[in-house]
PDB file of N, CA and C in Angstrom:
ATOM      1  N   UNK A   1      -6.225  -3.541  -4.693  1.00  0.00           N
ATOM      2  CA  UNK A   1      -4.940  -3.926  -3.627  1.00  0.00           C
ATOM      3  C   UNK A   1      -5.792  -3.899  -3.165  1.00  0.00           C
ATOM      4  N   UNK A   2      -5.107  -5.413  -2.027  1.00  0.00           N
ATOM      5  CA  UNK A   2      -6.016  -5.686  -1.209  1.00  0.00           C
ATOM      6  C   UNK A   2      -5.513  -5.010   0.660  1.00  0.00           C
ATOM      7  N   UNK A   3      -5.976  -5.206   1.763  1.00  0.00           N
ATOM      8  CA  UNK A   3      -5.438  -4.260   2.933  1.00  0.00           C
ATOM      9  C   UNK A   3      -3.798  -4.656   3.077  1.00  0.00           C
ATOM     10  N   UNK A   4      -3.920  -6.047   3.238  1.00  0.00           N
ATOM     11  CA  UNK A   4      -2.543  -6.756   3.243  1.00  0.00           C
ATOM     12  C   UNK A   4      -1.562  -6.732   2.226  1.00  0.00           C
ATOM     13  N   UNK A   5      -1.772  -6.033   1.051  1.00  0.00           N
ATOM     14  CA  UNK A   5      -0.854  -6.295  -0.281  1.00  0.00           C
ATOM     15  C   UNK A   5      -0.388  -5.007   0.348  1.00  0.00           C
ATOM     16  N   UNK A   6      -1.940  -3.542   0.903  1.00  0.00           N
ATOM     17  CA  UNK A   6      -0.878  -2.364   0.952  1.00  0.00           C
ATOM     18  C   UNK A   6      -0.377  -2.013   2.338  1.00  0.00           C
ATOM     19  N   UNK A   7      -0.261  -3.049   3.133  1.00  0.00           N
ATOM     20  CA  UNK A   7       0.322  -2.941   4.191  1.00  0.00           C
ATOM     21  C   UNK A   7       1.668  -3.073   4.148  1.00  0.00           C
ATOM     22  N   UNK A   8       1.619  -4.416   2.664  1.00  0.00           N
ATOM     23  CA  UNK A   8       3.197  -4.303   3.407  1.00  0.00           C
ATOM     24  C   UNK A   8       3.386  -3.426   2.115  1.00  0.00           C
ATOM     25  N   UNK A   9       3.019  -3.156   1.609  1.00  0.00           N
ATOM     26  CA  UNK A   9       3.518  -1.345   0.559  1.00  0.00           C
ATOM     27  C   UNK A   9       3.894  -0.016   1.252  1.00  0.00           C
ATOM     28  N   UNK A  10       3.443  -0.258   2.165  1.00  0.00           N
ATOM     29  CA  UNK A  10       3.250   0.737   3.898  1.00  0.00           C
ATOM     30  C   UNK A  10       4.384   1.232   4.504  1.00  0.00           C
ATOM     31  N   UNK A  11       4.760  -1.094   5.130  1.00  0.00           N
ATOM     32  CA  UNK A  11       5.802  -1.238   5.055  1.00  0.00           C
ATOM     33  C   UNK A  11       7.051  -1.167   5.016  1.00  0.00           C
ATOM     34  N   UNK A  12       7.053  -1.032   3.971  1.00  0.00           N
ATOM     35  CA  UNK A  12       8.547  -1.234   2.891  1.00  0.00           C
ATOM     36  C   UNK A  12       8.418   0.247   2.413  1.00  0.00           C
ATOM     37  N   UNK A  13       7.930   1.181   2.334  1.00  0.00           N
ATOM     38  CA  UNK A  13       8.077   2.549   2.206  1.00  0.00           C
ATOM     39  C   UNK A  13       8.334   3.629   4.006  1.00  0.00           C
ATOM     40  N   UNK A  14       7.858   2.825   4.982  1.00  0.00           N
ATOM     41  CA  UNK A  14       8.549   3.595   5.720  1.00  0.00           C
ATOM     42  C   UNK A  14       9.563   2.895   6.432  1.00  0.00           C
ATOM     43  N   UNK A  15       9.847   1.500   5.857  1.00  0.00           N
ATOM     44  CA  UNK A  15      11.524   0.789   6.265  1.00  0.00           C
ATOM     45  C   UNK A  15      12.304   1.954   5.637  1.00  0.00           C
ATOM     46  N   UNK A  16      12.045   2.097   3.940  1.00  0.00           N
ATOM     47  CA  UNK A  16      13.212   3.039   3.106  1.00  0.00           C
ATOM     48  C   UNK A  16      12.875   4.561   4.024  1.00  0.00           C
ATOM     49  N   UNK A  17      11.969   5.136   4.589  1.00  0.00           N
ATOM     50  CA  UNK A  17      12.129   6.750   5.259  1.00  0.00           C
ATOM     51  C   UNK A  17      12.943   5.740   6.698  1.00  0.00           C
ATOM     52  N   UNK A  18      12.912   4.538   7.031  1.00  0.00           N
ATOM     53  CA  UNK A  18      13.915   4.586   8.485  1.00  0.00           C
ATOM     54  C   UNK A  18      12.896   5.037   9.179  1.00  0.00           C
ATOM     55  N   UNK A  19      11.519   4.823   9.200  1.00  0.00           N
ATOM     56  CA  UNK A  19      10.664   5.245  10.051  1.00  0.00           C
ATOM     57  C   UNK A  19      10.784   3.617  11.283  1.00  0.00           C
ATOM     58  N   UNK A  20      10.633   3.469  12.577  1.00  0.00           N
ATOM     59  CA  UNK A  20      10.315   2.247  13.192  1.00  0.00           C
ATOM     60  C   UNK A  20       9.342   2.438  13.667  1.00  0.00           C
ATOM     61  N   UNK A  21       8.986   1.502  13.780  1.00  0.00           N
ATOM     62  CA  UNK A  21       7.087   0.551  13.556  1.00  0.00           C
ATOM     63  C   UNK A  21       7.227  -0.480  14.412  1.00  0.00           C
ATOM     64  N   UNK A  22       6.139  -0.730  15.196  1.00  0.00           N
ATOM     65  CA  UNK A  22       5.281  -2.044  15.547  1.00  0.00           C
ATOM     66  C   UNK A  22       4.516  -2.285  13.913  1.00  0.00           C
ATOM     67  N   UNK A  23       4.502  -4.298  13.979  1.00  0.00           N
ATOM     68  CA  UNK A  23       3.966  -4.692  13.255  1.00  0.00           C
ATOM     69  C   UNK A  23       2.113  -4.239  13.589  1.00  0.00           C
ATOM     70  N   UNK A  24       2.082  -4.566  14.813  1.00  0.00           N
ATOM     71  CA  UNK A  24       0.801  -4.588  15.212  1.00  0.00           C
ATOM     72  C   UNK A  24      -0.160  -3.325  14.578  1.00  0.00           C
ATOM     73  N   UNK A  25       1.167  -2.334  15.579  1.00  0.00           N
ATOM     74  CA  UNK A  25       0.699  -0.884  15.243  1.00  0.00           C
ATOM     75  C   UNK A  25       0.331  -0.427  13.802  1.00  0.00           C
ATOM     76  N   UNK A  26       0.700  -1.024  13.108  1.00  0.00           N
ATOM     77  CA  UNK A  26       0.704  -0.760  11.880  1.00  0.00           C
ATOM     78  C   UNK A  26      -0.428  -1.266  11.163  1.00  0.00           C
ATOM     79  N   UNK A  27      -0.517  -3.011  11.512  1.00  0.00           N
ATOM     80  CA  UNK A  27      -1.859  -3.062  10.993  1.00  0.00           C
ATOM     81  C   UNK A  27      -3.101  -2.501  11.473  1.00  0.00           C
ATOM     82  N   UNK A  28      -2.865  -2.259  12.829  1.00  0.00           N
ATOM     83  CA  UNK A  28      -4.538  -1.117  13.242  1.00  0.00           C
ATOM     84  C   UNK A  28      -4.506  -0.042  12.086  1.00  0.00           C
ATOM     85  N   UNK A  29      -3.453   0.455  11.903  1.00  0.00           N
ATOM     86  CA  UNK A  29      -3.722   1.891  11.619  1.00  0.00           C
ATOM     87  C   UNK A  29      -4.456   1.731   9.944  1.00  0.00           C
ATOM     88  N   UNK A  30      -4.043   0.998   8.881  1.00  0.00           N
ATOM     89  CA  UNK A  30      -4.312   0.487   7.785  1.00  0.00           C
ATOM     90  C   UNK A  30      -6.375  -0.092   8.447  1.00  0.00           C
ATOM     91  N   UNK A  31      -5.608  -0.540   8.859  1.00  0.00           N
ATOM     92  CA  UNK A  31      -7.919  -0.943   9.545  1.00  0.00           C
ATOM     93  C   UNK A  31      -8.269   0.229   9.552  1.00  0.00           C
ATOM     94  N   UNK A  32      -7.424   1.270  10.412  1.00  0.00           N
ATOM     95  CA  UNK A  32      -8.518   2.131  10.247  1.00  0.00           C
ATOM     96  C   UNK A  32      -8.925   3.251   9.331  1.00  0.00           C
ATOM     97  N   UNK A  33      -7.626   3.349   8.779  1.00  0.00           N
ATOM     98  CA  UNK A  33      -7.764   3.943   7.683  1.00  0.00           C
ATOM     99  C   UNK A  33      -7.719   3.540   5.794  1.00  0.00           C
ATOM    100  N   UNK A  34      -8.315   2.268   6.190  1.00  0.00           N
ATOM    101  CA  UNK A  34      -8.511   2.056   4.651  1.00  0.00           C
ATOM    102  C   UNK A  34      -9.511   2.447   3.971  1.00  0.00           C
ATOM    103  N   UNK A  35     -10.783   2.510   4.585  1.00  0.00           N
ATOM    104  CA  UNK A  35     -11.521   3.718   3.434  1.00  0.00           C
ATOM    105  C   UNK A  35     -10.913   5.144   2.972  1.00  0.00           C
ATOM    106  N   UNK A  36     -10.252   5.782   3.323  1.00  0.00           N
ATOM    107  CA  UNK A  36      -9.718   6.669   2.742  1.00  0.00           C
ATOM    108  C   UNK A  36      -8.276   6.415   2.236  1.00  0.00           C
ATOM    109  N   UNK A  37      -8.038   4.983   2.131  1.00  0.00           N
ATOM    110  CA  UNK A  37      -6.914   4.143   1.324  1.00  0.00           C
ATOM    111  C   UNK A  37      -7.342   3.296   0.188  1.00  0.00           C
ATOM    112  N   UNK A  38      -8.461   3.660   0.282  1.00  0.00           N
ATOM    113  CA  UNK A  38      -9.239   2.984  -0.834  1.00  0.00           C
ATOM    114  C   UNK A  38      -9.809   3.866  -2.027  1.00  0.00           C
ATOM    115  N   UNK A  39      -9.853   5.607  -1.331  1.00  0.00           N
ATOM    116  CA  UNK A  39     -10.047   6.550  -2.263  1.00  0.00           C
ATOM    117  C   UNK A  39      -8.919   7.038  -2.670  1.00  0.00           C
ATOM    118  N   UNK A  40      -7.252   7.134  -1.907  1.00  0.00           N
ATOM    119  CA  UNK A  40      -6.424   7.562  -2.235  1.00  0.00           C
ATOM    120  C   UNK A  40      -5.354   6.351  -2.020  1.00  0.00           C
ATOM    121  N   UNK A  41      -4.967   5.525  -2.736  1.00  0.00           N
ATOM    122  CA  UNK A  41      -4.243   4.275  -2.214  1.00  0.00           C
ATOM    123  C   UNK A  41      -2.636   5.003  -2.811  1.00  0.00           C
ATOM    124  N   UNK A  42      -2.162   6.076  -2.437  1.00  0.00           N
ATOM    125  CA  UNK A  42      -1.126   6.376  -2.162  1.00  0.00           C
ATOM    126  C   UNK A  42      -0.067   6.453  -1.714  1.00  0.00           C
ATOM    127  N   UNK A  43       0.611   5.019  -1.750  1.00  0.00           N
ATOM    128  CA  UNK A  43       1.843   5.255  -0.205  1.00  0.00           C
ATOM    129  C   UNK A  43       2.109   5.981   0.588  1.00  0.00           C
ATOM    130  N   UNK A  44       2.778   7.011  -0.226  1.00  0.00           N
ATOM    131  CA  UNK A  44       2.942   7.693   0.459  1.00  0.00           C
ATOM    132  C   UNK A  44       2.822   9.308   1.545  1.00  0.00           C
ATOM    133  N   UNK A  45       1.322   9.202   0.689  1.00  0.00           N
ATOM    134  CA  UNK A  45       0.549   9.901   1.759  1.00  0.00           C
ATOM    135  C   UNK A  45       0.329   9.431   3.354  1.00  0.00           C
ATOM    136  N   UNK A  46       0.051   7.822   3.105  1.00  0.00           N
ATOM    137  CA  UNK A  46      -0.711   7.273   4.292  1.00  0.00           C
ATOM    138  C   UNK A  46       1.263   6.895   4.851  1.00  0.00           C
ATOM    139  N   UNK A  47       2.425   7.016   4.746  1.00  0.00           N
ATOM    140  CA  UNK A  47       3.060   6.873   4.789  1.00  0.00           C
ATOM    141  C   UNK A  47       3.669   8.007   6.023  1.00  0.00           C
ATOM    142  N   UNK A  48       3.115   9.284   5.977  1.00  0.00           N
ATOM    143  CA  UNK A  48       3.119  10.678   6.076  1.00  0.00           C
ATOM    144  C   UNK A  48       2.422  10.903   7.226  1.00  0.00           C
ATOM    145  N   UNK A  49       1.466   9.805   6.820  1.00  0.00           N
ATOM    146  CA  UNK A  49       0.259  10.607   8.262  1.00  0.00           C
ATOM    147  C   UNK A  49       1.100   9.133   8.944  1.00  0.00           C
ATOM    148  N   UNK A  50       1.075   8.030   9.153  1.00  0.00           N
ATOM    149  CA  UNK A  50       1.627   7.095   9.961  1.00  0.00           C
ATOM    150  C   UNK A  50       2.635   7.767  10.460  1.00  0.00           C
ATOM    151  N   UNK A  51       4.210   8.154   9.521  1.00  0.00           N
ATOM    152  CA  UNK A  51       5.307   8.902  10.510  1.00  0.00           C
ATOM    153  C   UNK A  51       4.836   9.651  11.547  1.00  0.00           C
ATOM    154  N   UNK A  52       3.955  10.893  11.217  1.00  0.00           N
ATOM    155  CA  UNK A  52       3.702  11.896  12.129  1.00  0.00           C
ATOM    156  C   UNK A  52       3.459  11.337  13.371  1.00  0.00           C
ATOM    157  N   UNK A  53       1.834  10.298  13.099  1.00  0.00           N
ATOM    158  CA  UNK A  53       1.455   9.834  14.321  1.00  0.00           C
ATOM    159  C   UNK A  53       1.899   9.002  15.307  1.00  0.00           C
ATOM    160  N   UNK A  54       3.581   8.364  14.520  1.00  0.00           N
ATOM    161  CA  UNK A  54       4.261   7.400  15.518  1.00  0.00           C
ATOM    162  C   UNK A  54       5.246   8.846  16.161  1.00  0.00           C
ATOM    163  N   UNK A  55       5.487  10.114  15.408  1.00  0.00           N
ATOM    164  CA  UNK A  55       6.158  10.648  15.971  1.00  0.00           C
ATOM    165  C   UNK A  55       5.312  11.515  17.278  1.00  0.00           C
ATOM    166  N   UNK A  56       4.383  12.119  17.258  1.00  0.00           N
ATOM    167  CA  UNK A  56       3.583  12.488  18.063  1.00  0.00           C
ATOM    168  C   UNK A  56       3.335  11.923  18.922  1.00  0.00           C
ATOM    169  N   UNK A  57       2.998  10.638  19.055  1.00  0.00           N
ATOM    170  CA  UNK A  57       2.882  10.029  19.982  1.00  0.00           C
ATOM    171  C   UNK A  57       4.199   9.331  20.917  1.00  0.00           C
ATOM    172  N   UNK A  58       5.299  10.027  20.244  1.00  0.00           N
ATOM    173  CA  UNK A  58       6.578   9.450  21.158  1.00  0.00           C
ATOM    174  C   UNK A  58       6.989   8.563  20.822  1.00  0.00           C
ATOM    175  N   UNK A  59       6.864   7.695  19.784  1.00  0.00           N
ATOM    176  CA  UNK A  59       7.683   6.303  19.897  1.00  0.00           C
ATOM    177  C   UNK A  59       8.217   6.667  18.901  1.00  0.00           C
TER     178      UNK A  59
END
């Protein structure tokens, strides 16, 4: 899976959960965590982490 394919899957997972996000922030997040994604490509894990980061940031 490429980083862009993963970003698309993550985007869909976040939309399914009703999590709002900025496309740029999502791509930056994927870039930042890509090494971890290659070890554990479970989209739900990264959707949780992204959603928690967004919530903590007050977005």
